[in-house]
N, C-alpha and C. Protein backbone atom coordinates (compact mmCIF):
# COMPACT_ATOMS: atom_id res chain seq x y z
N MET A 1 -80.10 -67.94 70.08
CA MET A 1 -80.53 -68.65 68.89
C MET A 1 -81.81 -69.44 69.17
N CYS A 2 -81.87 -70.11 70.28
CA CYS A 2 -83.04 -70.92 70.63
C CYS A 2 -84.29 -70.06 70.75
N ILE A 3 -84.13 -68.87 71.28
CA ILE A 3 -85.28 -67.98 71.48
C ILE A 3 -85.89 -67.59 70.14
N ASN A 4 -85.04 -67.30 69.16
CA ASN A 4 -85.55 -66.96 67.82
C ASN A 4 -86.28 -68.14 67.19
N GLU A 5 -85.69 -69.32 67.27
CA GLU A 5 -86.34 -70.52 66.72
C GLU A 5 -87.69 -70.75 67.39
N TYR A 6 -87.71 -70.55 68.70
CA TYR A 6 -88.93 -70.76 69.48
C TYR A 6 -90.04 -69.82 68.99
N HIS A 7 -89.74 -68.54 68.91
CA HIS A 7 -90.76 -67.56 68.54
C HIS A 7 -91.17 -67.63 67.08
N GLU A 8 -90.31 -68.20 66.24
CA GLU A 8 -90.62 -68.30 64.82
C GLU A 8 -91.17 -69.67 64.44
N PHE A 9 -91.40 -70.53 65.42
CA PHE A 9 -91.84 -71.90 65.13
C PHE A 9 -93.20 -71.90 64.45
N LYS A 10 -93.31 -72.66 63.36
CA LYS A 10 -94.55 -72.84 62.62
C LYS A 10 -94.59 -74.27 62.08
N ALA A 11 -95.79 -74.79 61.93
CA ALA A 11 -95.96 -76.08 61.26
C ALA A 11 -95.56 -75.91 59.80
N LYS A 12 -94.95 -76.92 59.25
CA LYS A 12 -94.57 -76.89 57.84
C LYS A 12 -95.74 -77.37 56.99
N GLU A 13 -95.82 -76.84 55.79
CA GLU A 13 -96.89 -77.24 54.88
C GLU A 13 -96.82 -78.75 54.63
N GLY A 14 -97.96 -79.41 54.76
CA GLY A 14 -98.04 -80.84 54.54
C GLY A 14 -97.57 -81.69 55.71
N GLU A 15 -97.11 -81.05 56.78
CA GLU A 15 -96.62 -81.77 57.95
C GLU A 15 -97.79 -82.28 58.79
N THR A 16 -97.68 -83.48 59.31
CA THR A 16 -98.73 -84.02 60.17
C THR A 16 -98.67 -83.37 61.53
N LEU A 17 -99.77 -83.48 62.26
CA LEU A 17 -99.81 -82.96 63.62
C LEU A 17 -98.73 -83.62 64.47
N LYS A 18 -98.55 -84.91 64.29
CA LYS A 18 -97.53 -85.64 65.05
C LYS A 18 -96.12 -85.12 64.74
N ASP A 19 -95.85 -84.84 63.48
CA ASP A 19 -94.54 -84.32 63.10
C ASP A 19 -94.31 -82.92 63.66
N THR A 20 -95.34 -82.08 63.62
CA THR A 20 -95.23 -80.74 64.19
C THR A 20 -94.95 -80.83 65.69
N TYR A 21 -95.71 -81.69 66.37
CA TYR A 21 -95.51 -81.90 67.80
C TYR A 21 -94.09 -82.37 68.09
N SER A 22 -93.60 -83.32 67.32
CA SER A 22 -92.24 -83.86 67.55
C SER A 22 -91.18 -82.78 67.37
N ARG A 23 -91.30 -82.01 66.30
CA ARG A 23 -90.33 -80.91 66.08
C ARG A 23 -90.37 -79.89 67.20
N PHE A 24 -91.58 -79.55 67.64
CA PHE A 24 -91.71 -78.55 68.70
C PHE A 24 -91.17 -79.10 70.02
N ASN A 25 -91.43 -80.35 70.30
CA ASN A 25 -90.93 -80.98 71.53
C ASN A 25 -89.40 -81.00 71.54
N ILE A 26 -88.80 -81.30 70.40
CA ILE A 26 -87.34 -81.27 70.28
C ILE A 26 -86.81 -79.86 70.51
N LEU A 27 -87.50 -78.86 69.96
CA LEU A 27 -87.09 -77.47 70.16
C LEU A 27 -87.18 -77.07 71.63
N ILE A 28 -88.23 -77.47 72.30
CA ILE A 28 -88.37 -77.15 73.73
C ILE A 28 -87.23 -77.78 74.52
N SER A 29 -86.89 -79.02 74.21
CA SER A 29 -85.78 -79.69 74.90
C SER A 29 -84.46 -78.96 74.64
N LYS A 30 -84.26 -78.55 73.40
CA LYS A 30 -83.05 -77.81 73.04
C LYS A 30 -82.98 -76.49 73.83
N CYS A 31 -84.10 -75.82 73.93
CA CYS A 31 -84.14 -74.55 74.67
C CYS A 31 -83.84 -74.78 76.16
N LYS A 32 -84.40 -75.85 76.72
CA LYS A 32 -84.15 -76.16 78.13
C LYS A 32 -82.68 -76.40 78.37
N ARG A 33 -82.01 -77.11 77.47
CA ARG A 33 -80.57 -77.37 77.61
C ARG A 33 -79.78 -76.07 77.54
N SER A 34 -80.34 -75.07 76.85
CA SER A 34 -79.68 -73.76 76.75
C SER A 34 -80.07 -72.83 77.89
N GLY A 35 -80.91 -73.33 78.79
CA GLY A 35 -81.33 -72.51 79.93
C GLY A 35 -82.56 -71.65 79.67
N VAL A 36 -83.21 -71.85 78.54
CA VAL A 36 -84.42 -71.09 78.19
C VAL A 36 -85.62 -71.99 78.48
N ILE A 37 -86.35 -71.65 79.52
CA ILE A 37 -87.49 -72.46 79.93
C ILE A 37 -88.75 -71.60 79.87
N ARG A 38 -89.74 -72.11 79.18
CA ARG A 38 -91.03 -71.44 79.04
C ARG A 38 -92.09 -72.20 79.83
N SER A 39 -93.14 -71.51 80.21
CA SER A 39 -94.23 -72.14 80.96
C SER A 39 -95.03 -73.06 80.04
N ASN A 40 -95.78 -73.97 80.65
CA ASN A 40 -96.68 -74.83 79.87
C ASN A 40 -97.62 -73.98 79.03
N GLU A 41 -98.14 -72.92 79.63
CA GLU A 41 -99.08 -72.06 78.92
C GLU A 41 -98.42 -71.45 77.68
N ASP A 42 -97.19 -70.93 77.82
CA ASP A 42 -96.48 -70.36 76.68
C ASP A 42 -96.28 -71.40 75.58
N ASN A 43 -95.82 -72.60 75.99
CA ASN A 43 -95.58 -73.66 75.01
C ASN A 43 -96.87 -74.08 74.32
N ASN A 44 -97.94 -74.23 75.08
CA ASN A 44 -99.21 -74.66 74.50
C ASN A 44 -99.79 -73.61 73.57
N MET A 45 -99.71 -72.35 73.97
CA MET A 45 -100.21 -71.27 73.10
C MET A 45 -99.43 -71.23 71.79
N LEU A 46 -98.11 -71.33 71.88
CA LEU A 46 -97.31 -71.30 70.66
C LEU A 46 -97.59 -72.51 69.78
N PHE A 47 -97.74 -73.68 70.40
CA PHE A 47 -98.07 -74.88 69.63
C PHE A 47 -99.38 -74.69 68.87
N LEU A 48 -100.40 -74.19 69.55
CA LEU A 48 -101.70 -73.97 68.90
C LEU A 48 -101.59 -72.94 67.79
N LYS A 49 -100.88 -71.85 68.06
CA LYS A 49 -100.72 -70.80 67.05
C LYS A 49 -99.92 -71.28 65.84
N SER A 50 -99.02 -72.23 66.07
CA SER A 50 -98.15 -72.69 64.98
C SER A 50 -98.87 -73.59 63.98
N LEU A 51 -100.06 -74.06 64.31
CA LEU A 51 -100.73 -75.06 63.48
C LEU A 51 -101.25 -74.51 62.15
N GLY A 52 -101.42 -73.24 62.03
CA GLY A 52 -101.83 -72.68 60.75
C GLY A 52 -103.31 -72.36 60.66
N ALA A 53 -103.68 -71.72 59.58
CA ALA A 53 -105.03 -71.20 59.39
C ALA A 53 -106.10 -72.28 59.39
N GLU A 54 -105.79 -73.43 58.84
CA GLU A 54 -106.81 -74.49 58.77
C GLU A 54 -107.22 -75.00 60.15
N TRP A 55 -106.43 -74.72 61.15
CA TRP A 55 -106.72 -75.14 62.52
C TRP A 55 -107.27 -74.00 63.37
N MET A 56 -107.48 -72.81 62.79
CA MET A 56 -107.81 -71.62 63.57
C MET A 56 -109.05 -71.80 64.44
N HIS A 57 -110.13 -72.33 63.90
CA HIS A 57 -111.35 -72.50 64.67
C HIS A 57 -111.10 -73.40 65.88
N LEU A 58 -110.42 -74.48 65.64
CA LEU A 58 -110.10 -75.42 66.71
C LEU A 58 -109.21 -74.77 67.77
N THR A 59 -108.16 -74.11 67.35
CA THR A 59 -107.23 -73.53 68.33
C THR A 59 -107.89 -72.42 69.14
N MET A 60 -108.76 -71.65 68.52
CA MET A 60 -109.47 -70.60 69.26
C MET A 60 -110.37 -71.23 70.33
N SER A 61 -111.05 -72.30 69.98
CA SER A 61 -111.90 -73.01 70.95
C SER A 61 -111.08 -73.56 72.10
N MET A 62 -109.95 -74.16 71.77
CA MET A 62 -109.11 -74.75 72.81
C MET A 62 -108.53 -73.69 73.73
N ARG A 63 -108.10 -72.56 73.17
CA ARG A 63 -107.54 -71.49 73.99
C ARG A 63 -108.60 -70.91 74.92
N ALA A 64 -109.84 -70.89 74.47
CA ALA A 64 -110.92 -70.31 75.27
C ALA A 64 -111.43 -71.26 76.35
N THR A 65 -111.30 -72.55 76.13
CA THR A 65 -111.95 -73.50 77.06
C THR A 65 -110.99 -74.33 77.91
N LEU A 66 -109.74 -74.46 77.52
CA LEU A 66 -108.81 -75.30 78.27
C LEU A 66 -107.90 -74.48 79.17
N ASP A 67 -107.49 -75.07 80.28
CA ASP A 67 -106.52 -74.44 81.16
C ASP A 67 -105.13 -74.78 80.63
N LEU A 68 -104.63 -73.96 79.73
CA LEU A 68 -103.38 -74.25 79.03
C LEU A 68 -102.18 -74.27 79.96
N GLU A 69 -102.30 -73.61 81.10
CA GLU A 69 -101.19 -73.58 82.06
C GLU A 69 -100.99 -74.93 82.73
N SER A 70 -102.07 -75.66 82.95
CA SER A 70 -101.96 -76.93 83.67
C SER A 70 -101.69 -78.12 82.76
N LEU A 71 -101.80 -77.94 81.45
CA LEU A 71 -101.59 -79.04 80.51
C LEU A 71 -100.14 -79.06 80.02
N SER A 72 -99.61 -80.25 79.87
CA SER A 72 -98.29 -80.39 79.27
C SER A 72 -98.44 -80.38 77.74
N LEU A 73 -97.33 -80.25 77.06
CA LEU A 73 -97.37 -80.32 75.60
C LEU A 73 -97.86 -81.70 75.15
N ALA A 74 -97.49 -82.74 75.88
CA ALA A 74 -97.96 -84.09 75.56
C ALA A 74 -99.48 -84.17 75.68
N ASP A 75 -100.04 -83.53 76.72
CA ASP A 75 -101.49 -83.47 76.86
C ASP A 75 -102.13 -82.81 75.65
N MET A 76 -101.53 -81.70 75.21
CA MET A 76 -102.06 -80.97 74.05
C MET A 76 -102.03 -81.84 72.81
N HIS A 77 -100.97 -82.62 72.66
CA HIS A 77 -100.84 -83.50 71.50
C HIS A 77 -101.94 -84.55 71.48
N VAL A 78 -102.34 -85.02 72.65
CA VAL A 78 -103.40 -86.02 72.76
C VAL A 78 -104.77 -85.38 72.57
N ILE A 79 -104.97 -84.21 73.14
CA ILE A 79 -106.28 -83.54 73.12
C ILE A 79 -106.62 -82.96 71.75
N THR A 80 -105.66 -82.37 71.07
CA THR A 80 -105.92 -81.64 69.83
C THR A 80 -106.66 -82.48 68.79
N PRO A 81 -106.21 -83.68 68.45
CA PRO A 81 -106.97 -84.45 67.45
C PRO A 81 -108.36 -84.85 67.93
N LYS A 82 -108.52 -85.07 69.23
CA LYS A 82 -109.83 -85.43 69.76
C LYS A 82 -110.81 -84.27 69.64
N VAL A 83 -110.34 -83.06 69.96
CA VAL A 83 -111.20 -81.88 69.82
C VAL A 83 -111.53 -81.66 68.35
N TYR A 84 -110.55 -81.84 67.49
CA TYR A 84 -110.76 -81.70 66.05
C TYR A 84 -111.87 -82.65 65.58
N MET A 85 -111.80 -83.91 66.00
CA MET A 85 -112.80 -84.89 65.59
C MET A 85 -114.18 -84.51 66.12
N CYS A 86 -114.27 -83.99 67.33
CA CYS A 86 -115.56 -83.56 67.89
C CYS A 86 -116.16 -82.44 67.05
N ILE A 87 -115.33 -81.50 66.65
CA ILE A 87 -115.83 -80.38 65.85
C ILE A 87 -116.27 -80.87 64.48
N VAL A 88 -115.50 -81.74 63.86
CA VAL A 88 -115.85 -82.25 62.53
C VAL A 88 -117.14 -83.06 62.59
N VAL A 89 -117.31 -83.87 63.63
CA VAL A 89 -118.51 -84.71 63.76
C VAL A 89 -119.72 -83.87 64.16
N LEU A 90 -119.54 -82.95 65.14
CA LEU A 90 -120.66 -82.17 65.64
C LEU A 90 -121.06 -81.02 64.72
N VAL A 91 -120.09 -80.46 64.00
CA VAL A 91 -120.36 -79.34 63.13
C VAL A 91 -119.77 -79.66 61.74
N PRO A 92 -120.38 -80.59 61.01
CA PRO A 92 -119.76 -81.06 59.77
C PRO A 92 -119.60 -80.00 58.68
N ASN A 93 -120.39 -78.96 58.68
CA ASN A 93 -120.26 -77.93 57.65
C ASN A 93 -119.31 -76.82 58.03
N GLN A 94 -118.67 -76.93 59.19
CA GLN A 94 -117.74 -75.91 59.67
C GLN A 94 -116.47 -75.94 58.85
N GLN A 95 -116.01 -74.78 58.39
CA GLN A 95 -114.76 -74.68 57.67
C GLN A 95 -113.62 -74.68 58.67
N LEU A 96 -112.74 -75.66 58.62
CA LEU A 96 -111.58 -75.71 59.49
C LEU A 96 -110.40 -75.35 58.68
């Protein structure tokens, strides 16, 4: 059951980044208790993919430039809004 929830995880419409992170973190903990453990890279990739189309430019940049294997999910939660702000400030006409 945990594996299906894990692979089908998506941000909910109108959900904040913090809420998405919290739900995903709870799911990872639930999976660990069930003996299903994924690598940091797997968790980070799924978290980025789950954010939805409006985050696509950001997530593609992060996947290409960050070492997702060495970052924890907590690191991703801290980094994601900072990268988003850099893109919005540096490229204001970019569609996110």
